[in-house]
Amino acid sequence: MITSKQRAYLTGLANSLDPIVQVGMQGVTPEVVKSTEEAFNTHELIKGAVQKNVLEDVRACAETLAERSRSELVTVIGRKFILYKPFRENRVIILPQKKG
């Protein structure tokens, strides 16, 4: 679970990213999950988008995708979302520390 400070930090890092995962009319399909998992092989932070013709709620799509890809949903803004999954070794993104 990431803190609000960490969430804000990750959101700032994701501002310059282009969406690399697209959720289409079929919703969160196994193919979308697979492409997301493949993206996490080379990225710790990815931005995705839900197309306009998707009837399902954007947040619901993003939460489902995060759950199925075992990643953390950072935020949803409009039809875009940000997912975070740190590398097991050699992390690139160092999050601000939790207090306590």
PDB file of N, CA and C in Angstrom:
ATOM      1  N   MET A   1       0.851  -1.184   0.000  1.00  0.00           N
ATOM      2  CA  MET A   1       0.000   0.000   0.000  1.00  0.00           C
ATOM      3  C   MET A   1       0.895   1.244   0.000  1.00  0.00           C
ATOM      4  N   ILE A   2       0.624   2.133  -0.928  1.00  0.00           N
ATOM      5  CA  ILE A   2       1.433   3.343  -0.997  1.00  0.00           C
ATOM      6  C   ILE A   2       0.715   4.502  -0.303  1.00  0.00           C
ATOM      7  N   THR A   3       1.494   5.418   0.224  1.00  0.00           N
ATOM      8  CA  THR A   3       0.932   6.562   0.940  1.00  0.00           C
ATOM      9  C   THR A   3       0.516   7.649  -0.051  1.00  0.00           C
ATOM     10  N   SER A   4      -0.181   8.647   0.442  1.00  0.00           N
ATOM     11  CA  SER A   4      -0.614   9.744  -0.429  1.00  0.00           C
ATOM     12  C   SER A   4       0.595  10.537  -0.951  1.00  0.00           C
ATOM     13  N   LYS A   5       1.646  10.659  -0.133  1.00  0.00           N
ATOM     14  CA  LYS A   5       2.860  11.352  -0.568  1.00  0.00           C
ATOM     15  C   LYS A   5       3.539  10.570  -1.698  1.00  0.00           C
ATOM     16  N   GLN A   6       3.607   9.256  -1.569  1.00  0.00           N
ATOM     17  CA  GLN A   6       4.190   8.407  -2.605  1.00  0.00           C
ATOM     18  C   GLN A   6       3.331   8.440  -3.870  1.00  0.00           C
ATOM     19  N   ARG A   7       2.020   8.452  -3.670  1.00  0.00           N
ATOM     20  CA  ARG A   7       1.082   8.521  -4.798  1.00  0.00           C
ATOM     21  C   ARG A   7       1.301   9.817  -5.587  1.00  0.00           C
ATOM     22  N   ALA A   8       1.460  10.930  -4.878  1.00  0.00           N
ATOM     23  CA  ALA A   8       1.699  12.221  -5.530  1.00  0.00           C
ATOM     24  C   ALA A   8       3.040  12.208  -6.271  1.00  0.00           C
ATOM     25  N   TYR A   9       4.053  11.595  -5.672  1.00  0.00           N
ATOM     26  CA  TYR A   9       5.374  11.493  -6.303  1.00  0.00           C
ATOM     27  C   TYR A   9       5.275  10.697  -7.609  1.00  0.00           C
ATOM     28  N   LEU A  10       4.588   9.544  -7.563  1.00  0.00           N
ATOM     29  CA  LEU A  10       4.438   8.706  -8.756  1.00  0.00           C
ATOM     30  C   LEU A  10       3.609   9.400  -9.831  1.00  0.00           C
ATOM     31  N   THR A  11       2.589  10.125  -9.434  1.00  0.00           N
ATOM     32  CA  THR A  11       1.768  10.864 -10.387  1.00  0.00           C
ATOM     33  C   THR A  11       2.613  11.906 -11.115  1.00  0.00           C
ATOM     34  N   GLY A  12       3.485  12.577 -10.373  1.00  0.00           N
ATOM     35  CA  GLY A  12       4.389  13.558 -10.982  1.00  0.00           C
ATOM     36  C   GLY A  12       5.325  12.918 -11.990  1.00  0.00           C
ATOM     37  N   LEU A  13       5.852  11.740 -11.660  1.00  0.00           N
ATOM     38  CA  LEU A  13       6.741  11.031 -12.585  1.00  0.00           C
ATOM     39  C   LEU A  13       5.997  10.597 -13.852  1.00  0.00           C
ATOM     40  N   ALA A  14       4.726  10.270 -13.701  1.00  0.00           N
ATOM     41  CA  ALA A  14       3.953   9.755 -14.831  1.00  0.00           C
ATOM     42  C   ALA A  14       3.443  10.842 -15.767  1.00  0.00           C
ATOM     43  N   ASN A  15       3.555  12.109 -15.368  1.00  0.00           N
ATOM     44  CA  ASN A  15       3.050  13.200 -16.214  1.00  0.00           C
ATOM     45  C   ASN A  15       3.609  13.168 -17.625  1.00  0.00           C
ATOM     46  N   SER A  16       4.878  12.818 -17.753  1.00  0.00           N
ATOM     47  CA  SER A  16       5.516  12.847 -19.071  1.00  0.00           C
ATOM     48  C   SER A  16       5.338  11.549 -19.858  1.00  0.00           C
ATOM     49  N   LEU A  17       4.699  10.553 -19.255  1.00  0.00           N
ATOM     50  CA  LEU A  17       4.530   9.265 -19.927  1.00  0.00           C
ATOM     51  C   LEU A  17       3.343   9.279 -20.883  1.00  0.00           C
ATOM     52  N   ASP A  18       3.470   8.504 -21.961  1.00  0.00           N
ATOM     53  CA  ASP A  18       2.351   8.269 -22.865  1.00  0.00           C
ATOM     54  C   ASP A  18       1.692   6.956 -22.471  1.00  0.00           C
ATOM     55  N   PRO A  19       0.382   6.824 -22.680  1.00  0.00           N
ATOM     56  CA  PRO A  19      -0.274   5.554 -22.363  1.00  0.00           C
ATOM     57  C   PRO A  19       0.285   4.421 -23.229  1.00  0.00           C
ATOM     58  N   ILE A  20       0.657   3.312 -22.576  1.00  0.00           N
ATOM     59  CA  ILE A  20       1.162   2.170 -23.329  1.00  0.00           C
ATOM     60  C   ILE A  20       0.225   0.970 -23.225  1.00  0.00           C
ATOM     61  N   VAL A  21      -0.820   1.100 -22.415  1.00  0.00           N
ATOM     62  CA  VAL A  21      -1.830   0.055 -22.295  1.00  0.00           C
ATOM     63  C   VAL A  21      -3.176   0.669 -22.641  1.00  0.00           C
ATOM     64  N   GLN A  22      -3.917  -0.003 -23.512  1.00  0.00           N
ATOM     65  CA  GLN A  22      -5.237   0.479 -23.923  1.00  0.00           C
ATOM     66  C   GLN A  22      -6.294  -0.550 -23.559  1.00  0.00           C
ATOM     67  N   VAL A  23      -7.312  -0.124 -22.823  1.00  0.00           N
ATOM     68  CA  VAL A  23      -8.453  -0.990 -22.533  1.00  0.00           C
ATOM     69  C   VAL A  23      -9.515  -0.651 -23.563  1.00  0.00           C
ATOM     70  N   GLY A  24      -9.869  -1.641 -24.375  1.00  0.00           N
ATOM     71  CA  GLY A  24     -10.824  -1.419 -25.457  1.00  0.00           C
ATOM     72  C   GLY A  24     -12.241  -1.798 -25.082  1.00  0.00           C
ATOM     73  N   MET A  25     -13.083  -1.899 -26.086  1.00  0.00           N
ATOM     74  CA  MET A  25     -14.512  -2.132 -25.898  1.00  0.00           C
ATOM     75  C   MET A  25     -14.801  -3.440 -25.149  1.00  0.00           C
ATOM     76  N   GLN A  26     -13.914  -4.409 -25.267  1.00  0.00           N
ATOM     77  CA  GLN A  26     -14.113  -5.694 -24.589  1.00  0.00           C
ATOM     78  C   GLN A  26     -13.808  -5.625 -23.092  1.00  0.00           C
ATOM     79  N   GLY A  27     -13.246  -4.516 -22.639  1.00  0.00           N
ATOM     80  CA  GLY A  27     -12.905  -4.361 -21.226  1.00  0.00           C
ATOM     81  C   GLY A  27     -11.537  -4.940 -20.922  1.00  0.00           C
ATOM     82  N   VAL A  28     -11.355  -5.393 -19.697  1.00  0.00           N
ATOM     83  CA  VAL A  28     -10.067  -5.934 -19.261  1.00  0.00           C
ATOM     84  C   VAL A  28     -10.017  -7.412 -19.647  1.00  0.00           C
ATOM     85  N   THR A  29      -9.498  -7.672 -20.819  1.00  0.00           N
ATOM     86  CA  THR A  29      -9.398  -9.035 -21.350  1.00  0.00           C
ATOM     87  C   THR A  29      -8.065  -9.662 -20.927  1.00  0.00           C
ATOM     88  N   PRO A  30      -7.926 -10.972 -21.074  1.00  0.00           N
ATOM     89  CA  PRO A  30      -6.632 -11.605 -20.784  1.00  0.00           C
ATOM     90  C   PRO A  30      -5.491 -11.022 -21.625  1.00  0.00           C
ATOM     91  N   GLU A  31      -5.795 -10.578 -22.832  1.00  0.00           N
ATOM     92  CA  GLU A  31      -4.767  -9.981 -23.689  1.00  0.00           C
ATOM     93  C   GLU A  31      -4.272  -8.658 -23.111  1.00  0.00           C
ATOM     94  N   VAL A  32      -5.206  -7.862 -22.577  1.00  0.00           N
ATOM     95  CA  VAL A  32      -4.826  -6.579 -21.966  1.00  0.00           C
ATOM     96  C   VAL A  32      -3.969  -6.837 -20.729  1.00  0.00           C
ATOM     97  N   VAL A  33      -4.348  -7.826 -19.937  1.00  0.00           N
ATOM     98  CA  VAL A  33      -3.573  -8.174 -18.742  1.00  0.00           C
ATOM     99  C   VAL A  33      -2.172  -8.635 -19.146  1.00  0.00           C
ATOM    100  N   LYS A  34      -2.094  -9.465 -20.174  1.00  0.00           N
ATOM    101  CA  LYS A  34      -0.798  -9.967 -20.650  1.00  0.00           C
ATOM    102  C   LYS A  34       0.095  -8.821 -21.134  1.00  0.00           C
ATOM    103  N   SER A  35      -0.470  -7.889 -21.900  1.00  0.00           N
ATOM    104  CA  SER A  35       0.342  -6.768 -22.383  1.00  0.00           C
ATOM    105  C   SER A  35       0.784  -5.870 -21.224  1.00  0.00           C
ATOM    106  N   THR A  36      -0.043  -5.752 -20.202  1.00  0.00           N
ATOM    107  CA  THR A  36       0.326  -4.972 -19.019  1.00  0.00           C
ATOM    108  C   THR A  36       1.472  -5.646 -18.276  1.00  0.00           C
ATOM    109  N   GLU A  37       1.380  -6.957 -18.092  1.00  0.00           N
ATOM    110  CA  GLU A  37       2.449  -7.690 -17.415  1.00  0.00           C
ATOM    111  C   GLU A  37       3.757  -7.594 -18.205  1.00  0.00           C
ATOM    112  N   GLU A  38       3.662  -7.651 -19.536  1.00  0.00           N
ATOM    113  CA  GLU A  38       4.861  -7.508 -20.365  1.00  0.00           C
ATOM    114  C   GLU A  38       5.455  -6.107 -20.225  1.00  0.00           C
ATOM    115  N   ALA A  39       4.594  -5.095 -20.122  1.00  0.00           N
ATOM    116  CA  ALA A  39       5.080  -3.722 -19.941  1.00  0.00           C
ATOM    117  C   ALA A  39       5.816  -3.592 -18.612  1.00  0.00           C
ATOM    118  N   PHE A  40       5.360  -4.323 -17.591  1.00  0.00           N
ATOM    119  CA  PHE A  40       6.024  -4.266 -16.287  1.00  0.00           C
ATOM    120  C   PHE A  40       7.369  -4.986 -16.286  1.00  0.00           C
ATOM    121  N   ASN A  41       7.697  -5.723 -17.334  1.00  0.00           N
ATOM    122  CA  ASN A  41       9.030  -6.319 -17.438  1.00  0.00           C
ATOM    123  C   ASN A  41      10.099  -5.259 -17.653  1.00  0.00           C
ATOM    124  N   THR A  42       9.714  -4.137 -18.266  1.00  0.00           N
ATOM    125  CA  THR A  42      10.688  -3.085 -18.566  1.00  0.00           C
ATOM    126  C   THR A  42      10.367  -1.745 -17.916  1.00  0.00           C
ATOM    127  N   HIS A  43       9.191  -1.605 -17.325  1.00  0.00           N
ATOM    128  CA  HIS A  43       8.779  -0.349 -16.687  1.00  0.00           C
ATOM    129  C   HIS A  43       8.238  -0.636 -15.295  1.00  0.00           C
ATOM    130  N   GLU A  44       8.531   0.244 -14.359  1.00  0.00           N
ATOM    131  CA  GLU A  44       7.924   0.136 -13.031  1.00  0.00           C
ATOM    132  C   GLU A  44       6.630   0.937 -12.959  1.00  0.00           C
ATOM    133  N   LEU A  45       6.528   1.943 -13.796  1.00  0.00           N
ATOM    134  CA  LEU A  45       5.387   2.854 -13.783  1.00  0.00           C
ATOM    135  C   LEU A  45       4.844   2.950 -15.196  1.00  0.00           C
ATOM    136  N   ILE A  46       3.563   2.628 -15.354  1.00  0.00           N
ATOM    137  CA  ILE A  46       2.971   2.716 -16.686  1.00  0.00           C
ATOM    138  C   ILE A  46       1.671   3.507 -16.633  1.00  0.00           C
ATOM    139  N   LYS A  47       1.395   4.140 -17.754  1.00  0.00           N
ATOM    140  CA  LYS A  47       0.147   4.878 -17.903  1.00  0.00           C
ATOM    141  C   LYS A  47      -0.708   4.113 -18.904  1.00  0.00           C
ATOM    142  N   GLY A  48      -1.982   4.019 -18.604  1.00  0.00           N
ATOM    143  CA  GLY A  48      -2.915   3.343 -19.500  1.00  0.00           C
ATOM    144  C   GLY A  48      -4.111   4.231 -19.763  1.00  0.00           C
ATOM    145  N   ALA A  49      -4.908   3.822 -20.734  1.00  0.00           N
ATOM    146  CA  ALA A  49      -6.101   4.590 -21.082  1.00  0.00           C
ATOM    147  C   ALA A  49      -7.256   3.645 -21.351  1.00  0.00           C
ATOM    148  N   VAL A  50      -8.451   4.114 -21.048  1.00  0.00           N
ATOM    149  CA  VAL A  50      -9.679   3.385 -21.348  1.00  0.00           C
ATOM    150  C   VAL A  50     -10.356   4.131 -22.482  1.00  0.00           C
ATOM    151  N   GLN A  51     -10.612   3.424 -23.576  1.00  0.00           N
ATOM    152  CA  GLN A  51     -11.212   4.065 -24.737  1.00  0.00           C
ATOM    153  C   GLN A  51     -12.627   4.562 -24.433  1.00  0.00           C
ATOM    154  N   LYS A  52     -13.064   5.548 -25.203  1.00  0.00           N
ATOM    155  CA  LYS A  52     -14.357   6.192 -24.962  1.00  0.00           C
ATOM    156  C   LYS A  52     -15.548   5.254 -25.142  1.00  0.00           C
ATOM    157  N   ASN A  53     -15.406   4.229 -25.984  1.00  0.00           N
ATOM    158  CA  ASN A  53     -16.536   3.335 -26.248  1.00  0.00           C
ATOM    159  C   ASN A  53     -16.708   2.243 -25.195  1.00  0.00           C
ATOM    160  N   VAL A  54     -15.893   2.251 -24.127  1.00  0.00           N
ATOM    161  CA  VAL A  54     -16.014   1.271 -23.050  1.00  0.00           C
ATOM    162  C   VAL A  54     -17.120   1.720 -22.103  1.00  0.00           C
ATOM    163  N   LEU A  55     -18.079   0.844 -21.859  1.00  0.00           N
ATOM    164  CA  LEU A  55     -19.215   1.189 -21.010  1.00  0.00           C
ATOM    165  C   LEU A  55     -18.884   1.088 -19.523  1.00  0.00           C
ATOM    166  N   GLU A  56     -17.936   0.233 -19.168  1.00  0.00           N
ATOM    167  CA  GLU A  56     -17.555   0.035 -17.775  1.00  0.00           C
ATOM    168  C   GLU A  56     -16.864   1.286 -17.236  1.00  0.00           C
ATOM    169  N   ASP A  57     -17.011   1.515 -15.940  1.00  0.00           N
ATOM    170  CA  ASP A  57     -16.389   2.651 -15.272  1.00  0.00           C
ATOM    171  C   ASP A  57     -14.865   2.581 -15.391  1.00  0.00           C
ATOM    172  N   VAL A  58     -14.226   3.713 -15.639  1.00  0.00           N
ATOM    173  CA  VAL A  58     -12.776   3.770 -15.828  1.00  0.00           C
ATOM    174  C   VAL A  58     -12.053   3.269 -14.580  1.00  0.00           C
ATOM    175  N   ARG A  59     -12.480   3.717 -13.401  1.00  0.00           N
ATOM    176  CA  ARG A  59     -11.845   3.286 -12.150  1.00  0.00           C
ATOM    177  C   ARG A  59     -11.990   1.769 -11.970  1.00  0.00           C
ATOM    178  N   ALA A  60     -13.147   1.223 -12.286  1.00  0.00           N
ATOM    179  CA  ALA A  60     -13.360  -0.221 -12.156  1.00  0.00           C
ATOM    180  C   ALA A  60     -12.423  -0.991 -13.088  1.00  0.00           C
ATOM    181  N   CYS A  61     -12.267  -0.510 -14.315  1.00  0.00           N
ATOM    182  CA  CYS A  61     -11.334  -1.135 -15.271  1.00  0.00           C
ATOM    183  C   CYS A  61      -9.915  -1.101 -14.727  1.00  0.00           C
ATOM    184  N   ALA A  62      -9.500   0.051 -14.226  1.00  0.00           N
ATOM    185  CA  ALA A  62      -8.139   0.217 -13.721  1.00  0.00           C
ATOM    186  C   ALA A  62      -7.894  -0.658 -12.494  1.00  0.00           C
ATOM    187  N   GLU A  63      -8.872  -0.731 -11.591  1.00  0.00           N
ATOM    188  CA  GLU A  63      -8.728  -1.564 -10.399  1.00  0.00           C
ATOM    189  C   GLU A  63      -8.645  -3.043 -10.766  1.00  0.00           C
ATOM    190  N   THR A  64      -9.463  -3.471 -11.713  1.00  0.00           N
ATOM    191  CA  THR A  64      -9.432  -4.861 -12.177  1.00  0.00           C
ATOM    192  C   THR A  64      -8.089  -5.186 -12.801  1.00  0.00           C
ATOM    193  N   LEU A  65      -7.591  -4.290 -13.636  1.00  0.00           N
ATOM    194  CA  LEU A  65      -6.305  -4.506 -14.293  1.00  0.00           C
ATOM    195  C   LEU A  65      -5.167  -4.536 -13.267  1.00  0.00           C
ATOM    196  N   ALA A  66      -5.214  -3.661 -12.290  1.00  0.00           N
ATOM    197  CA  ALA A  66      -4.189  -3.645 -11.238  1.00  0.00           C
ATOM    198  C   ALA A  66      -4.203  -4.954 -10.454  1.00  0.00           C
ATOM    199  N   GLU A  67      -5.388  -5.421 -10.125  1.00  0.00           N
ATOM    200  CA  GLU A  67      -5.514  -6.673  -9.379  1.00  0.00           C
ATOM    201  C   GLU A  67      -4.972  -7.855 -10.183  1.00  0.00           C
ATOM    202  N   ARG A  68      -5.367  -7.931 -11.441  1.00  0.00           N
ATOM    203  CA  ARG A  68      -4.957  -9.061 -12.274  1.00  0.00           C
ATOM    204  C   ARG A  68      -3.482  -9.030 -12.645  1.00  0.00           C
ATOM    205  N   SER A  69      -2.879  -7.846 -12.697  1.00  0.00           N
ATOM    206  CA  SER A  69      -1.452  -7.741 -13.027  1.00  0.00           C
ATOM    207  C   SER A  69      -0.592  -7.651 -11.763  1.00  0.00           C
ATOM    208  N   ARG A  70      -1.225  -7.764 -10.594  1.00  0.00           N
ATOM    209  CA  ARG A  70      -0.545  -7.692  -9.303  1.00  0.00           C
ATOM    210  C   ARG A  70       0.284  -6.408  -9.174  1.00  0.00           C
ATOM    211  N   SER A  71      -0.361  -5.299  -9.521  1.00  0.00           N
ATOM    212  CA  SER A  71       0.284  -3.990  -9.422  1.00  0.00           C
ATOM    213  C   SER A  71      -0.576  -3.081  -8.551  1.00  0.00           C
ATOM    214  N   GLU A  72      -0.109  -1.877  -8.347  1.00  0.00           N
ATOM    215  CA  GLU A  72      -0.793  -0.901  -7.500  1.00  0.00           C
ATOM    216  C   GLU A  72      -1.390   0.197  -8.377  1.00  0.00           C
ATOM    217  N   LEU A  73      -2.675   0.462  -8.192  1.00  0.00           N
ATOM    218  CA  LEU A  73      -3.307   1.576  -8.892  1.00  0.00           C
ATOM    219  C   LEU A  73      -2.898   2.855  -8.181  1.00  0.00           C
ATOM    220  N   VAL A  74      -2.231   3.741  -8.912  1.00  0.00           N
ATOM    221  CA  VAL A  74      -1.772   5.000  -8.331  1.00  0.00           C
ATOM    222  C   VAL A  74      -2.905   6.013  -8.364  1.00  0.00           C
ATOM    223  N   THR A  75      -3.447   6.257  -9.551  1.00  0.00           N
ATOM    224  CA  THR A  75      -4.521   7.240  -9.676  1.00  0.00           C
ATOM    225  C   THR A  75      -5.264   7.055 -10.993  1.00  0.00           C
ATOM    226  N   VAL A  76      -6.455   7.623 -11.042  1.00  0.00           N
ATOM    227  CA  VAL A  76      -7.254   7.671 -12.261  1.00  0.00           C
ATOM    228  C   VAL A  76      -7.574   9.133 -12.515  1.00  0.00           C
ATOM    229  N   ILE A  77      -7.242   9.598 -13.720  1.00  0.00           N
ATOM    230  CA  ILE A  77      -7.544  10.981 -14.104  1.00  0.00           C
ATOM    231  C   ILE A  77      -8.245  10.927 -15.450  1.00  0.00           C
ATOM    232  N   GLY A  78      -9.511  11.286 -15.460  1.00  0.00           N
ATOM    233  CA  GLY A  78     -10.290  11.213 -16.694  1.00  0.00           C
ATOM    234  C   GLY A  78     -10.387   9.779 -17.168  1.00  0.00           C
ATOM    235  N   ARG A  79      -9.926   9.507 -18.377  1.00  0.00           N
ATOM    236  CA  ARG A  79      -9.950   8.154 -18.931  1.00  0.00           C
ATOM    237  C   ARG A  79      -8.576   7.498 -18.871  1.00  0.00           C
ATOM    238  N   LYS A  80      -7.651   8.125 -18.162  1.00  0.00           N
ATOM    239  CA  LYS A  80      -6.295   7.577 -18.031  1.00  0.00           C
ATOM    240  C   LYS A  80      -6.062   7.110 -16.591  1.00  0.00           C
ATOM    241  N   PHE A  81      -5.156   6.147 -16.461  1.00  0.00           N
ATOM    242  CA  PHE A  81      -4.815   5.630 -15.140  1.00  0.00           C
ATOM    243  C   PHE A  81      -3.325   5.335 -15.083  1.00  0.00           C
ATOM    244  N   ILE A  82      -2.803   5.265 -13.876  1.00  0.00           N
ATOM    245  CA  ILE A  82      -1.384   4.999 -13.660  1.00  0.00           C
ATOM    246  C   ILE A  82      -1.262   3.777 -12.759  1.00  0.00           C
ATOM    247  N   LEU A  83      -0.420   2.835 -13.173  1.00  0.00           N
ATOM    248  CA  LEU A  83      -0.153   1.630 -12.399  1.00  0.00           C
ATOM    249  C   LEU A  83       1.321   1.581 -12.023  1.00  0.00           C
ATOM    250  N   TYR A  84       1.605   1.052 -10.829  1.00  0.00           N
ATOM    251  CA  TYR A  84       2.975   0.953 -10.339  1.00  0.00           C
ATOM    252  C   TYR A  84       3.240  -0.460  -9.854  1.00  0.00           C
ATOM    253  N   LYS A  85       4.366  -1.005 -10.280  1.00  0.00           N
ATOM    254  CA  LYS A  85       4.812  -2.312  -9.814  1.00  0.00           C
ATOM    255  C   LYS A  85       6.339  -2.279  -9.771  1.00  0.00           C
ATOM    256  N   PRO A  86       6.914  -2.199  -8.566  1.00  0.00           N
ATOM    257  CA  PRO A  86       8.378  -2.083  -8.473  1.00  0.00           C
ATOM    258  C   PRO A  86       9.069  -3.362  -8.941  1.00  0.00           C
ATOM    259  N   PHE A  87      10.253  -3.194  -9.515  1.00  0.00           N
ATOM    260  CA  PHE A  87      11.074  -4.346  -9.875  1.00  0.00           C
ATOM    261  C   PHE A  87      11.465  -5.074  -8.591  1.00  0.00           C
ATOM    262  N   ARG A  88      11.610  -6.385  -8.671  1.00  0.00           N
ATOM    263  CA  ARG A  88      12.026  -7.149  -7.485  1.00  0.00           C
ATOM    264  C   ARG A  88      13.462  -6.806  -7.100  1.00  0.00           C
ATOM    265  N   GLU A  89      14.308  -6.625  -8.109  1.00  0.00           N
ATOM    266  CA  GLU A  89      15.703  -6.263  -7.877  1.00  0.00           C
ATOM    267  C   GLU A  89      16.026  -5.021  -8.712  1.00  0.00           C
ATOM    268  N   ASN A  90      16.998  -4.265  -8.258  1.00  0.00           N
ATOM    269  CA  ASN A  90      17.460  -3.073  -8.987  1.00  0.00           C
ATOM    270  C   ASN A  90      16.331  -2.096  -9.309  1.00  0.00           C
ATOM    271  N   ARG A  91      15.632  -1.665  -8.274  1.00  0.00           N
ATOM    272  CA  ARG A  91      14.540  -0.710  -8.481  1.00  0.00           C
ATOM    273  C   ARG A  91      15.061   0.592  -9.069  1.00  0.00           C
ATOM    274  N   VAL A  92      14.296   1.125 -10.001  1.00  0.00           N
ATOM    275  CA  VAL A  92      14.655   2.392 -10.627  1.00  0.00           C
ATOM    276  C   VAL A  92      14.017   3.545  -9.881  1.00  0.00           C
ATOM    277  N   ILE A  93      12.761   3.378  -9.493  1.00  0.00           N
ATOM    278  CA  ILE A  93      12.022   4.425  -8.775  1.00  0.00           C
ATOM    279  C   ILE A  93      12.165   4.202  -7.285  1.00  0.00           C
ATOM    280  N   ILE A  94      12.708   5.196  -6.599  1.00  0.00           N
ATOM    281  CA  ILE A  94      12.846   5.145  -5.152  1.00  0.00           C
ATOM    282  C   ILE A  94      11.762   6.045  -4.563  1.00  0.00           C
ATOM    283  N   LEU A  95      10.819   5.437  -3.869  1.00  0.00           N
ATOM    284  CA  LEU A  95       9.701   6.187  -3.296  1.00  0.00           C
ATOM    285  C   LEU A  95      10.118   6.929  -2.040  1.00  0.00           C
ATOM    286  N   PRO A  96       9.479   8.081  -1.769  1.00  0.00           N
ATOM    287  CA  PRO A  96       9.710   8.767  -0.482  1.00  0.00           C
ATOM    288  C   PRO A  96       9.335   7.800   0.653  1.00  0.00           C
ATOM    289  N   GLN A  97      10.103   7.822   1.717  1.00  0.00           N
ATOM    290  CA  GLN A  97       9.890   6.882   2.824  1.00  0.00           C
ATOM    291  C   GLN A  97       8.631   7.207   3.620  1.00  0.00           C
ATOM    292  N   LYS A  98       8.012   6.138   4.118  1.00  0.00           N
ATOM    293  CA  LYS A  98       6.873   6.299   5.013  1.00  0.00           C
ATOM    294  C   LYS A  98       7.392   6.749   6.373  1.00  0.00           C
ATOM    295  N   LYS A  99       6.634   7.590   7.053  1.00  0.00           N
ATOM    296  CA  LYS A  99       7.038   8.045   8.375  1.00  0.00           C
ATOM    297  C   LYS A  99       6.631   7.000   9.402  1.00  0.00           C
ATOM    298  N   GLY A 100       7.459   6.848  10.410  1.00  0.00           N
ATOM    299  CA  GLY A 100       7.099   5.939  11.487  1.00  0.00           C
ATOM    300  C   GLY A 100       8.092   4.904  11.779  1.00  0.00           C
TER     301      GLY A 100
END
